[in-house]
Structures are given as C-alpha cells and as structure tokens.
C-alpha cells in the first residue's frame, strides 16, 4: 500500500500560542477558500514540502509535546493523511488534537470524507475568516468563527486559555526565514508588515 504523504508549509514544536499546553503545530499547505485579509497566504501560495505520515508522526512523538494543533491552509483537504497521522501518534502517546478549519462544523459533518478526522478532534475552531468581523478575540481570527469542545479533554484548560483578553503572537527569526506564529494583535501585525516590507515580502506568516 502506498504510504500517505502530507503537503505542509511549516511545523513548530513547543509553543503555547495555538492551544493549551505544549503543542506541536502543523500548518498544512493548500486551501479552497479565499478569505479577504487572510494572514496565512503563504500556506496557499508559498513553498511547501511533502512529508510522509510516518516521518512526521515520529517527529511529533519524539518532540515530547502533549498536543497537536493543525492549521493552514485547510486541514480537511488532507483529512485522510491527517487522520492517519493522528492514529499513528496516538498509538503510542495520549495526545490531544486541535484543528482550525474554514469549514463550519455542519459542513464537516455533511461530508463523509471529513468525519473520520473530525471524530479524532478535541477542539475545532471553525468558519471562514471575515476581516470585517475581526474583533481582536484571543486565538480566533473573527467573531463568526466558533470554538467547539468535541471531547472533554480540554474542557477545563480550554475555558481558561480561550478566555484570555489579549492576543498573543511571536515573530521568530532563524537563519533562512522570519516567521509569524499565532493570531497577532494590531500592534504585532504592524511590526510584522514592516518586517515584510523591509525584506521585500520574503517572510512567512502562519
């Protein structure tokens, strides 16, 4: 049987910017939506790499992180491979799953090819980003987007985490890239846009 692969834009281990606990974040590449003001255009038009489910699962297991967050891009466009990734990791470690999706929960439930991955999801943040509804809520892009506790795993920690009054994001510098991680406040976004302008747009926003 052919081994499943994932198209990914970026991964980040050991962050608390996209969910409670110590998280391993995967930004998948590819999206079927065209949201005005999207902050993750790099996951649609930027570079990506193909990785096998097995190799990425090993990285997650070896990281020691206690949770996985999947964003994008649109995760459910790669639902089969992501489902296999979660099964692989959870076969050895009890690890929670948070997914950001442009699809609504109702749309996901109506699509048979999505229900497998949905059944493995502990928290779902759903809905398209709407720029005119961006109200500054922590960890969520716009007020139309909803947070669902699909299991009880993060019920207590999540209620505290998502009640934060301020957005948190990080600008990370490395040898070959500058990366924005998280949902930025207006101030952080201003700094980020200035950095991009100075680099001729050569920076990655996730």
N, C-alpha and C. Protein backbone atom coordinates (compact mmCIF):
# COMPACT_ATOMS: atom_id res chain seq x y z
N UNK A 1 0.84 -1.19 0.00
CA UNK A 1 0.00 0.00 0.00
C UNK A 1 0.88 1.25 0.00
N UNK A 2 0.51 2.22 -0.82
CA UNK A 2 1.30 3.44 -0.94
C UNK A 2 1.22 4.25 0.35
N UNK A 3 2.38 4.71 0.82
CA UNK A 3 2.40 5.48 2.06
C UNK A 3 1.84 6.87 1.84
N UNK A 4 0.98 7.30 2.73
CA UNK A 4 0.35 8.61 2.62
C UNK A 4 1.37 9.71 2.90
N UNK A 5 1.20 10.82 2.17
CA UNK A 5 2.05 11.98 2.37
C UNK A 5 1.19 13.21 2.66
N UNK A 6 1.81 14.17 3.30
CA UNK A 6 1.16 15.44 3.60
C UNK A 6 1.94 16.58 2.95
N UNK A 7 1.20 17.56 2.43
CA UNK A 7 1.81 18.80 1.99
C UNK A 7 1.75 19.77 3.16
N UNK A 8 2.91 20.23 3.62
CA UNK A 8 2.93 21.13 4.75
C UNK A 8 3.75 22.37 4.43
N UNK A 9 3.34 23.49 5.03
CA UNK A 9 4.06 24.75 4.87
C UNK A 9 5.10 24.93 5.96
N UNK A 10 4.78 24.45 7.16
CA UNK A 10 5.67 24.72 8.28
C UNK A 10 5.24 23.86 9.46
N UNK A 11 6.17 23.58 10.35
CA UNK A 11 5.85 22.96 11.64
C UNK A 11 6.58 23.74 12.73
N UNK A 12 6.02 23.71 13.90
CA UNK A 12 6.63 24.38 15.05
C UNK A 12 6.36 23.55 16.30
N UNK A 13 7.41 23.12 16.96
CA UNK A 13 7.26 22.36 18.20
C UNK A 13 7.41 23.29 19.40
N UNK A 14 6.78 22.92 20.48
CA UNK A 14 6.91 23.60 21.77
C UNK A 14 6.43 25.05 21.71
N UNK A 15 5.14 25.22 21.45
CA UNK A 15 4.54 26.55 21.50
C UNK A 15 3.22 26.46 22.25
N UNK A 16 2.85 27.55 22.92
CA UNK A 16 1.55 27.61 23.58
C UNK A 16 0.68 28.69 22.94
N UNK A 17 0.98 29.04 21.70
CA UNK A 17 0.29 30.13 21.03
C UNK A 17 -0.97 29.69 20.29
N UNK A 18 -1.17 28.41 20.10
CA UNK A 18 -2.33 27.93 19.35
C UNK A 18 -2.99 26.75 20.06
N UNK A 19 -3.21 26.95 21.35
CA UNK A 19 -3.89 25.93 22.13
C UNK A 19 -3.22 25.71 23.46
N UNK A 20 -3.96 25.20 24.45
CA UNK A 20 -3.40 24.98 25.78
C UNK A 20 -2.36 23.87 25.80
N UNK A 21 -1.37 24.03 26.65
CA UNK A 21 -0.32 23.03 26.79
C UNK A 21 0.84 23.27 25.86
N UNK A 22 1.71 22.29 25.82
CA UNK A 22 2.91 22.34 24.97
C UNK A 22 2.57 21.66 23.65
N UNK A 23 2.46 22.45 22.58
CA UNK A 23 1.87 21.94 21.36
C UNK A 23 2.88 21.83 20.21
N UNK A 24 2.62 20.85 19.36
CA UNK A 24 3.32 20.71 18.09
C UNK A 24 2.33 21.16 17.02
N UNK A 25 2.68 22.24 16.30
CA UNK A 25 1.76 22.82 15.33
C UNK A 25 2.18 22.45 13.92
N UNK A 26 1.20 22.03 13.13
CA UNK A 26 1.40 21.71 11.72
C UNK A 26 0.53 22.64 10.89
N UNK A 27 1.16 23.42 10.01
CA UNK A 27 0.43 24.24 9.06
C UNK A 27 0.44 23.51 7.71
N UNK A 28 -0.72 23.02 7.31
CA UNK A 28 -0.78 22.30 6.04
C UNK A 28 -0.83 23.30 4.88
N UNK A 29 -0.44 22.82 3.72
CA UNK A 29 -0.43 23.66 2.53
C UNK A 29 -1.64 23.35 1.66
N UNK A 30 -2.28 24.41 1.17
CA UNK A 30 -3.41 24.27 0.28
C UNK A 30 -4.70 24.70 0.95
N UNK A 31 -5.52 25.47 0.22
CA UNK A 31 -6.78 25.96 0.77
C UNK A 31 -7.79 26.14 -0.35
N UNK A 32 -9.06 25.90 -0.04
CA UNK A 32 -10.12 26.05 -1.04
C UNK A 32 -10.91 27.34 -0.83
N UNK A 33 -10.50 28.13 0.16
CA UNK A 33 -11.19 29.39 0.45
C UNK A 33 -10.33 30.58 0.02
N UNK A 34 -10.97 31.72 -0.09
CA UNK A 34 -10.26 32.94 -0.49
C UNK A 34 -10.72 34.07 0.41
N UNK A 35 -10.31 34.02 1.66
CA UNK A 35 -10.78 34.96 2.66
C UNK A 35 -10.02 36.28 2.57
N UNK A 36 -10.73 37.37 2.42
CA UNK A 36 -10.10 38.69 2.37
C UNK A 36 -9.35 38.94 3.68
N UNK A 37 -8.10 39.40 3.56
CA UNK A 37 -7.30 39.71 4.73
C UNK A 37 -6.66 38.50 5.38
N UNK A 38 -6.68 37.37 4.71
CA UNK A 38 -6.09 36.15 5.28
C UNK A 38 -4.62 36.39 5.66
N UNK A 39 -4.25 35.96 6.87
CA UNK A 39 -2.88 36.13 7.33
C UNK A 39 -2.01 34.92 7.03
N UNK A 40 -2.57 33.94 6.36
CA UNK A 40 -1.81 32.72 6.09
C UNK A 40 -1.69 32.45 4.59
N UNK A 41 -1.50 33.51 3.83
CA UNK A 41 -1.42 33.36 2.37
C UNK A 41 -0.25 32.47 1.97
N UNK A 42 0.78 32.44 2.80
CA UNK A 42 1.93 31.60 2.48
C UNK A 42 1.55 30.12 2.39
N UNK A 43 0.49 29.74 3.11
CA UNK A 43 0.06 28.34 3.06
C UNK A 43 -0.72 28.03 1.80
N UNK A 44 -1.02 29.04 1.01
CA UNK A 44 -1.67 28.83 -0.29
C UNK A 44 -0.69 29.01 -1.44
N UNK A 45 0.16 30.03 -1.34
CA UNK A 45 0.97 30.43 -2.48
C UNK A 45 2.47 30.26 -2.25
N UNK A 46 2.86 29.97 -1.04
CA UNK A 46 4.28 29.85 -0.74
C UNK A 46 4.83 28.46 -0.98
N UNK A 47 6.06 28.28 -0.59
CA UNK A 47 6.73 26.99 -0.75
C UNK A 47 6.13 25.97 0.23
N UNK A 48 6.25 24.71 -0.14
CA UNK A 48 5.80 23.65 0.76
C UNK A 48 6.69 22.44 0.58
N UNK A 49 6.57 21.52 1.50
CA UNK A 49 7.29 20.26 1.38
C UNK A 49 6.31 19.10 1.54
N UNK A 50 6.63 18.00 0.93
CA UNK A 50 5.85 16.79 1.12
C UNK A 50 6.57 15.89 2.11
N UNK A 51 5.87 15.44 3.12
CA UNK A 51 6.45 14.57 4.13
C UNK A 51 5.56 13.34 4.27
N UNK A 52 6.16 12.22 4.59
CA UNK A 52 5.36 11.03 4.83
C UNK A 52 4.70 11.14 6.20
N UNK A 53 3.55 10.51 6.32
CA UNK A 53 2.85 10.48 7.60
C UNK A 53 3.76 9.87 8.67
N UNK A 54 4.45 8.81 8.32
CA UNK A 54 5.32 8.14 9.29
C UNK A 54 6.40 9.08 9.81
N UNK A 55 7.08 9.80 8.91
CA UNK A 55 8.17 10.67 9.34
C UNK A 55 7.68 11.80 10.23
N UNK A 56 6.55 12.40 9.86
CA UNK A 56 6.03 13.50 10.67
C UNK A 56 5.53 12.97 12.02
N UNK A 57 4.92 11.81 12.02
CA UNK A 57 4.46 11.22 13.28
C UNK A 57 5.64 10.97 14.23
N UNK A 58 6.75 10.50 13.69
CA UNK A 58 7.93 10.26 14.53
C UNK A 58 8.45 11.57 15.12
N UNK A 59 8.43 12.63 14.33
CA UNK A 59 8.86 13.93 14.84
C UNK A 59 7.97 14.39 15.98
N UNK A 60 6.68 14.20 15.82
CA UNK A 60 5.74 14.63 16.86
C UNK A 60 5.94 13.80 18.13
N UNK A 61 6.05 12.48 17.97
CA UNK A 61 6.23 11.61 19.14
C UNK A 61 7.54 11.92 19.87
N UNK A 62 8.58 12.18 19.11
CA UNK A 62 9.89 12.45 19.73
C UNK A 62 10.00 13.85 20.31
N UNK A 63 9.08 14.73 19.95
CA UNK A 63 9.16 16.12 20.44
C UNK A 63 8.84 16.23 21.92
N UNK A 64 8.05 15.30 22.44
CA UNK A 64 7.62 15.40 23.83
C UNK A 64 6.44 16.32 24.04
N UNK A 65 5.92 16.93 22.96
CA UNK A 65 4.75 17.81 23.09
C UNK A 65 3.53 17.00 23.52
N UNK A 66 2.62 17.67 24.23
CA UNK A 66 1.44 16.95 24.72
C UNK A 66 0.19 17.22 23.90
N UNK A 67 0.33 17.94 22.79
CA UNK A 67 -0.82 18.19 21.93
C UNK A 67 -0.40 18.53 20.53
N UNK A 68 -1.30 18.32 19.58
CA UNK A 68 -1.10 18.69 18.18
C UNK A 68 -2.13 19.74 17.81
N UNK A 69 -1.71 20.81 17.17
CA UNK A 69 -2.63 21.77 16.56
C UNK A 69 -2.38 21.77 15.06
N UNK A 70 -3.46 21.66 14.29
CA UNK A 70 -3.35 21.67 12.84
C UNK A 70 -4.08 22.89 12.30
N UNK A 71 -3.36 23.69 11.51
CA UNK A 71 -3.93 24.88 10.91
C UNK A 71 -3.54 24.88 9.44
N UNK A 72 -3.68 26.02 8.80
CA UNK A 72 -3.34 26.01 7.38
C UNK A 72 -3.42 27.40 6.81
N UNK A 73 -3.79 27.36 5.50
CA UNK A 73 -4.34 26.26 4.73
C UNK A 73 -5.61 25.68 5.34
N UNK A 74 -6.10 24.66 4.64
CA UNK A 74 -7.31 23.97 5.09
C UNK A 74 -7.00 22.52 5.43
N UNK A 75 -6.96 22.18 6.71
CA UNK A 75 -6.59 20.83 7.11
C UNK A 75 -7.46 19.72 6.52
N UNK A 76 -8.76 19.96 6.40
CA UNK A 76 -9.64 18.87 5.99
C UNK A 76 -9.50 18.50 4.51
N UNK A 77 -8.77 19.31 3.74
CA UNK A 77 -8.46 18.91 2.36
C UNK A 77 -7.46 17.75 2.35
N UNK A 78 -6.81 17.51 3.47
CA UNK A 78 -5.88 16.38 3.61
C UNK A 78 -6.34 15.49 4.77
N UNK A 79 -7.64 15.30 4.85
CA UNK A 79 -8.23 14.61 6.00
C UNK A 79 -7.73 13.18 6.14
N UNK A 80 -7.59 12.47 5.04
CA UNK A 80 -7.17 11.07 5.13
C UNK A 80 -5.77 10.95 5.72
N UNK A 81 -4.83 11.75 5.21
CA UNK A 81 -3.46 11.67 5.70
C UNK A 81 -3.36 12.18 7.14
N UNK A 82 -4.09 13.24 7.47
CA UNK A 82 -4.04 13.76 8.84
C UNK A 82 -4.66 12.77 9.81
N UNK A 83 -5.72 12.09 9.39
CA UNK A 83 -6.30 11.06 10.24
C UNK A 83 -5.31 9.95 10.53
N UNK A 84 -4.57 9.54 9.51
CA UNK A 84 -3.56 8.51 9.70
C UNK A 84 -2.43 9.02 10.59
N UNK A 85 -2.08 10.29 10.47
CA UNK A 85 -1.06 10.88 11.33
C UNK A 85 -1.48 10.80 12.79
N UNK A 86 -2.71 11.21 13.08
CA UNK A 86 -3.20 11.19 14.46
C UNK A 86 -3.24 9.76 15.00
N UNK A 87 -3.72 8.83 14.20
CA UNK A 87 -3.76 7.43 14.64
C UNK A 87 -2.36 6.91 14.97
N UNK A 88 -1.40 7.25 14.11
CA UNK A 88 -0.03 6.81 14.32
C UNK A 88 0.52 7.33 15.64
N UNK A 89 0.33 8.62 15.89
CA UNK A 89 0.86 9.22 17.12
C UNK A 89 0.13 8.68 18.34
N UNK A 90 -1.19 8.60 18.26
CA UNK A 90 -1.96 8.17 19.43
C UNK A 90 -1.80 6.69 19.73
N UNK A 91 -1.28 5.93 18.79
CA UNK A 91 -1.00 4.52 19.06
C UNK A 91 0.08 4.37 20.13
N UNK A 92 0.91 5.40 20.28
CA UNK A 92 2.00 5.35 21.25
C UNK A 92 1.88 6.38 22.36
N UNK A 93 1.15 7.48 22.09
CA UNK A 93 1.08 8.55 23.08
C UNK A 93 -0.33 9.10 23.16
N UNK A 94 -0.76 9.40 24.38
CA UNK A 94 -2.07 10.00 24.59
C UNK A 94 -1.93 11.50 24.36
N UNK A 95 -2.34 11.94 23.18
CA UNK A 95 -2.07 13.31 22.77
C UNK A 95 -3.34 13.92 22.18
N UNK A 96 -3.60 15.18 22.52
CA UNK A 96 -4.82 15.85 22.09
C UNK A 96 -4.67 16.55 20.75
N UNK A 97 -5.83 16.85 20.11
CA UNK A 97 -5.83 17.40 18.75
C UNK A 97 -6.75 18.62 18.68
N UNK A 98 -6.20 19.73 18.20
CA UNK A 98 -6.96 20.95 17.93
C UNK A 98 -6.82 21.26 16.44
N UNK A 99 -7.94 21.60 15.79
CA UNK A 99 -7.90 21.91 14.36
C UNK A 99 -8.60 23.24 14.09
N UNK A 100 -7.94 24.09 13.32
CA UNK A 100 -8.54 25.30 12.76
C UNK A 100 -8.99 24.98 11.35
N UNK A 101 -10.27 25.19 11.05
CA UNK A 101 -10.80 24.89 9.71
C UNK A 101 -11.67 26.02 9.20
N UNK A 102 -11.60 26.26 7.90
CA UNK A 102 -12.50 27.22 7.27
C UNK A 102 -13.90 26.67 7.07
N UNK A 103 -14.04 25.35 7.08
CA UNK A 103 -15.36 24.73 7.02
C UNK A 103 -16.07 24.91 8.36
N UNK A 104 -17.39 25.02 8.33
CA UNK A 104 -18.15 25.01 9.57
C UNK A 104 -18.32 23.57 10.05
N UNK A 105 -18.64 23.42 11.31
CA UNK A 105 -18.87 22.08 11.85
C UNK A 105 -19.97 21.37 11.08
N UNK A 106 -21.02 22.10 10.72
CA UNK A 106 -22.12 21.49 9.97
C UNK A 106 -21.64 20.99 8.61
N UNK A 107 -20.81 21.77 7.95
CA UNK A 107 -20.29 21.35 6.64
C UNK A 107 -19.41 20.11 6.77
N UNK A 108 -18.61 20.07 7.82
CA UNK A 108 -17.74 18.91 8.02
C UNK A 108 -18.54 17.65 8.28
N UNK A 109 -19.60 17.77 9.05
CA UNK A 109 -20.44 16.61 9.36
C UNK A 109 -21.20 16.11 8.14
N UNK A 110 -21.41 16.99 7.17
CA UNK A 110 -22.14 16.61 5.96
C UNK A 110 -21.26 15.93 4.92
N UNK A 111 -19.96 15.97 5.12
CA UNK A 111 -19.02 15.40 4.14
C UNK A 111 -18.41 14.13 4.72
N UNK A 112 -18.77 13.00 4.16
CA UNK A 112 -18.32 11.73 4.68
C UNK A 112 -16.82 11.58 4.76
N UNK A 113 -16.10 12.20 3.81
CA UNK A 113 -14.65 12.06 3.79
C UNK A 113 -13.97 12.85 4.92
N UNK A 114 -14.74 13.70 5.61
CA UNK A 114 -14.17 14.51 6.68
C UNK A 114 -14.46 13.95 8.08
N UNK A 115 -15.43 13.07 8.19
CA UNK A 115 -15.90 12.68 9.52
C UNK A 115 -14.88 11.87 10.31
N UNK A 116 -14.02 11.13 9.63
CA UNK A 116 -13.00 10.36 10.35
C UNK A 116 -12.07 11.26 11.13
N UNK A 117 -11.52 12.27 10.47
CA UNK A 117 -10.62 13.21 11.15
C UNK A 117 -11.38 14.00 12.20
N UNK A 118 -12.61 14.39 11.89
CA UNK A 118 -13.41 15.15 12.85
C UNK A 118 -13.61 14.36 14.14
N UNK A 119 -13.79 13.04 14.03
CA UNK A 119 -14.01 12.22 15.21
C UNK A 119 -12.79 12.13 16.10
N UNK A 120 -11.61 12.50 15.59
CA UNK A 120 -10.37 12.47 16.37
C UNK A 120 -10.04 13.85 16.95
N UNK A 121 -10.87 14.83 16.68
CA UNK A 121 -10.59 16.22 17.05
C UNK A 121 -11.17 16.55 18.41
N UNK A 122 -10.36 17.11 19.29
CA UNK A 122 -10.83 17.50 20.62
C UNK A 122 -11.43 18.90 20.63
N UNK A 123 -10.76 19.83 19.95
CA UNK A 123 -11.28 21.19 19.80
C UNK A 123 -11.27 21.54 18.32
N UNK A 124 -12.38 22.10 17.85
CA UNK A 124 -12.48 22.61 16.48
C UNK A 124 -12.77 24.10 16.54
N UNK A 125 -11.96 24.91 15.84
CA UNK A 125 -12.27 26.32 15.61
C UNK A 125 -12.70 26.40 14.16
N UNK A 126 -13.95 26.76 13.90
CA UNK A 126 -14.49 26.61 12.55
C UNK A 126 -14.83 27.94 11.89
N UNK A 127 -15.03 27.90 10.57
CA UNK A 127 -15.55 29.03 9.82
C UNK A 127 -14.49 29.83 9.08
N UNK A 128 -14.93 30.46 7.98
CA UNK A 128 -14.04 31.32 7.20
C UNK A 128 -13.68 32.57 8.01
N UNK A 129 -12.48 33.07 7.75
CA UNK A 129 -12.09 34.34 8.35
C UNK A 129 -12.81 35.46 7.63
N UNK A 130 -13.43 36.37 8.41
CA UNK A 130 -14.10 37.54 7.84
C UNK A 130 -13.47 38.79 8.43
N UNK A 131 -12.76 39.51 7.56
CA UNK A 131 -11.97 40.65 8.00
C UNK A 131 -12.79 41.67 8.76
N UNK A 132 -14.01 41.94 8.31
CA UNK A 132 -14.84 42.97 8.94
C UNK A 132 -15.39 42.52 10.30
N UNK A 133 -15.21 41.24 10.64
CA UNK A 133 -15.66 40.72 11.92
C UNK A 133 -14.48 40.40 12.85
N UNK A 134 -13.31 40.87 12.49
CA UNK A 134 -12.13 40.65 13.32
C UNK A 134 -12.22 41.58 14.53
N UNK A 135 -12.58 41.00 15.69
CA UNK A 135 -12.81 41.80 16.89
C UNK A 135 -11.69 41.71 17.91
N UNK A 136 -10.56 41.12 17.52
CA UNK A 136 -9.41 41.06 18.41
C UNK A 136 -9.46 39.94 19.43
N UNK A 137 -10.41 39.02 19.30
CA UNK A 137 -10.51 37.93 20.26
C UNK A 137 -9.25 37.08 20.24
N UNK A 138 -8.80 36.68 21.42
CA UNK A 138 -7.57 35.90 21.51
C UNK A 138 -7.71 34.56 20.83
N UNK A 139 -6.72 34.22 20.02
CA UNK A 139 -6.56 32.91 19.39
C UNK A 139 -7.58 32.59 18.31
N UNK A 140 -8.49 33.52 18.01
CA UNK A 140 -9.51 33.29 16.99
C UNK A 140 -9.56 34.52 16.09
N UNK A 141 -9.66 34.29 14.77
CA UNK A 141 -9.50 35.37 13.82
C UNK A 141 -10.65 36.35 13.73
N UNK A 142 -11.90 35.86 13.70
CA UNK A 142 -13.05 36.75 13.56
C UNK A 142 -14.23 36.19 14.35
N UNK A 143 -15.16 37.07 14.70
CA UNK A 143 -16.20 36.71 15.66
C UNK A 143 -17.18 35.67 15.15
N UNK A 144 -17.27 35.48 13.84
CA UNK A 144 -18.16 34.43 13.30
C UNK A 144 -17.60 33.04 13.53
N UNK A 145 -16.31 32.93 13.77
CA UNK A 145 -15.68 31.63 13.98
C UNK A 145 -16.02 31.11 15.37
N UNK A 146 -16.32 29.82 15.45
CA UNK A 146 -16.79 29.23 16.70
C UNK A 146 -15.80 28.21 17.23
N UNK A 147 -15.80 28.04 18.54
CA UNK A 147 -14.94 27.08 19.20
C UNK A 147 -15.81 25.97 19.78
N UNK A 148 -15.54 24.74 19.38
CA UNK A 148 -16.31 23.60 19.84
C UNK A 148 -15.41 22.64 20.63
N UNK A 149 -15.86 22.28 21.82
CA UNK A 149 -15.21 21.21 22.56
C UNK A 149 -15.89 19.91 22.14
N UNK A 150 -15.26 19.16 21.26
CA UNK A 150 -15.85 17.94 20.74
C UNK A 150 -15.63 16.76 21.68
N UNK A 151 -14.69 16.89 22.60
CA UNK A 151 -14.47 15.94 23.69
C UNK A 151 -14.26 16.75 24.97
N UNK A 152 -14.09 16.06 26.07
CA UNK A 152 -13.87 16.74 27.35
C UNK A 152 -12.39 16.97 27.66
N UNK A 153 -11.50 16.56 26.74
CA UNK A 153 -10.07 16.60 27.04
C UNK A 153 -9.60 17.99 27.49
N UNK A 154 -10.02 19.03 26.77
CA UNK A 154 -9.52 20.38 27.06
C UNK A 154 -10.60 21.27 27.68
N UNK A 155 -11.68 20.67 28.19
CA UNK A 155 -12.78 21.49 28.67
C UNK A 155 -12.35 22.46 29.75
N UNK A 156 -11.62 22.00 30.76
CA UNK A 156 -11.20 22.89 31.85
C UNK A 156 -10.08 23.82 31.43
N UNK A 157 -9.02 23.26 30.84
CA UNK A 157 -7.88 24.10 30.44
C UNK A 157 -8.27 25.05 29.32
N UNK A 158 -9.13 24.61 28.43
CA UNK A 158 -9.54 25.44 27.30
C UNK A 158 -10.36 26.64 27.72
N UNK A 159 -11.23 26.44 28.69
CA UNK A 159 -12.07 27.56 29.14
C UNK A 159 -11.21 28.68 29.72
N UNK A 160 -10.13 28.32 30.37
CA UNK A 160 -9.21 29.33 30.90
C UNK A 160 -8.39 29.93 29.77
N UNK A 161 -7.86 29.07 28.92
CA UNK A 161 -6.97 29.51 27.84
C UNK A 161 -7.67 30.47 26.89
N UNK A 162 -8.85 30.10 26.41
CA UNK A 162 -9.53 30.90 25.39
C UNK A 162 -10.27 32.11 25.98
N UNK A 163 -10.25 32.24 27.30
CA UNK A 163 -10.83 33.42 27.92
C UNK A 163 -9.83 34.57 28.01
N UNK A 164 -8.63 34.39 27.48
CA UNK A 164 -7.60 35.45 27.52
C UNK A 164 -8.12 36.73 26.90
N UNK A 165 -7.73 37.85 27.47
CA UNK A 165 -8.21 39.14 26.99
C UNK A 165 -7.38 39.68 25.83
N UNK A 166 -6.15 39.19 25.68
CA UNK A 166 -5.27 39.74 24.65
C UNK A 166 -4.78 38.64 23.72
N UNK A 167 -4.59 39.02 22.48
CA UNK A 167 -3.97 38.12 21.51
C UNK A 167 -2.48 38.00 21.78
N UNK A 168 -1.94 36.83 21.44
CA UNK A 168 -0.51 36.60 21.60
C UNK A 168 0.04 36.02 20.31
N UNK A 169 1.17 36.54 19.89
CA UNK A 169 1.84 36.03 18.70
C UNK A 169 3.33 36.23 18.87
N UNK A 170 4.09 35.54 18.05
CA UNK A 170 5.54 35.59 18.15
C UNK A 170 6.14 35.77 16.77
N UNK A 171 7.10 36.65 16.66
CA UNK A 171 7.88 36.79 15.43
C UNK A 171 9.21 36.09 15.67
N UNK A 172 9.46 35.06 14.91
CA UNK A 172 10.63 34.21 15.13
C UNK A 172 11.63 34.40 13.99
N UNK A 173 12.87 34.67 14.36
CA UNK A 173 13.94 34.85 13.39
C UNK A 173 14.82 33.60 13.38
N UNK A 174 15.11 33.10 12.19
CA UNK A 174 16.06 31.99 12.04
C UNK A 174 17.00 32.31 10.89
N UNK A 175 17.88 31.40 10.58
CA UNK A 175 18.92 31.68 9.58
C UNK A 175 18.34 31.99 8.21
N UNK A 176 17.22 31.33 7.84
CA UNK A 176 16.72 31.48 6.48
C UNK A 176 15.29 32.01 6.38
N UNK A 177 14.69 32.37 7.50
CA UNK A 177 13.33 32.88 7.41
C UNK A 177 12.96 33.69 8.65
N UNK A 178 11.93 34.52 8.46
CA UNK A 178 11.28 35.21 9.57
C UNK A 178 9.83 34.73 9.57
N UNK A 179 9.35 34.30 10.72
CA UNK A 179 8.05 33.65 10.78
C UNK A 179 7.17 34.29 11.85
N UNK A 180 5.92 34.52 11.50
CA UNK A 180 4.93 35.00 12.45
C UNK A 180 4.08 33.80 12.88
N UNK A 181 4.00 33.56 14.18
CA UNK A 181 3.27 32.42 14.71
C UNK A 181 2.19 32.92 15.66
N UNK A 182 0.97 32.48 15.45
CA UNK A 182 -0.13 32.85 16.33
C UNK A 182 -1.09 33.82 15.67
N UNK A 183 -2.03 34.31 16.45
CA UNK A 183 -3.01 35.29 15.97
C UNK A 183 -2.58 36.65 16.50
N UNK A 184 -2.07 37.53 15.64
CA UNK A 184 -1.43 38.76 16.12
C UNK A 184 -2.41 39.86 16.49
N UNK A 185 -2.01 40.66 17.47
CA UNK A 185 -2.72 41.90 17.76
C UNK A 185 -2.41 42.91 16.67
N UNK A 186 -3.11 44.04 16.69
CA UNK A 186 -2.86 45.09 15.69
C UNK A 186 -1.43 45.58 15.77
N UNK A 187 -0.89 45.69 16.98
CA UNK A 187 0.48 46.16 17.16
C UNK A 187 1.50 45.20 16.58
N UNK A 188 1.34 43.92 16.87
CA UNK A 188 2.26 42.92 16.34
C UNK A 188 2.13 42.85 14.82
N UNK A 189 0.91 42.95 14.32
CA UNK A 189 0.71 42.90 12.87
C UNK A 189 1.39 44.07 12.18
N UNK A 190 1.37 45.25 12.80
CA UNK A 190 2.04 46.41 12.23
C UNK A 190 3.55 46.16 12.12
N UNK A 191 4.14 45.63 13.19
CA UNK A 191 5.57 45.32 13.18
C UNK A 191 5.87 44.27 12.11
N UNK A 192 5.00 43.28 12.03
CA UNK A 192 5.19 42.20 11.05
C UNK A 192 5.17 42.74 9.62
N UNK A 193 4.23 43.60 9.33
CA UNK A 193 4.15 44.17 7.97
C UNK A 193 5.36 45.03 7.66
N UNK A 194 5.90 45.70 8.67
CA UNK A 194 7.12 46.49 8.47
C UNK A 194 8.31 45.57 8.16
N UNK A 195 8.39 44.46 8.86
CA UNK A 195 9.46 43.49 8.61
C UNK A 195 9.35 42.94 7.19
N UNK A 196 8.14 42.60 6.78
CA UNK A 196 7.94 42.08 5.43
C UNK A 196 8.33 43.10 4.37
N UNK A 197 7.96 44.35 4.62
CA UNK A 197 8.27 45.40 3.66
C UNK A 197 9.79 45.55 3.50
N UNK A 198 10.51 45.49 4.60
CA UNK A 198 11.96 45.62 4.56
C UNK A 198 12.62 44.42 3.87
N UNK A 199 11.95 43.26 3.93
CA UNK A 199 12.50 42.07 3.31
C UNK A 199 11.90 41.79 1.93
N UNK A 200 11.26 42.80 1.37
CA UNK A 200 10.65 42.61 0.04
C UNK A 200 9.56 41.56 0.03
N UNK A 201 8.89 41.42 1.15
CA UNK A 201 7.82 40.44 1.25
C UNK A 201 8.30 39.04 1.57
N UNK A 202 9.60 38.84 1.73
CA UNK A 202 10.17 37.50 1.96
C UNK A 202 10.10 37.13 3.44
N UNK A 203 8.91 36.89 3.89
CA UNK A 203 8.70 36.44 5.26
C UNK A 203 7.47 35.55 5.27
N UNK A 204 7.39 34.67 6.25
CA UNK A 204 6.34 33.65 6.27
C UNK A 204 5.38 33.88 7.41
N UNK A 205 4.10 33.95 7.09
CA UNK A 205 3.10 34.20 8.13
C UNK A 205 2.22 32.97 8.30
N UNK A 206 2.18 32.48 9.51
CA UNK A 206 1.39 31.30 9.82
C UNK A 206 0.45 31.59 10.98
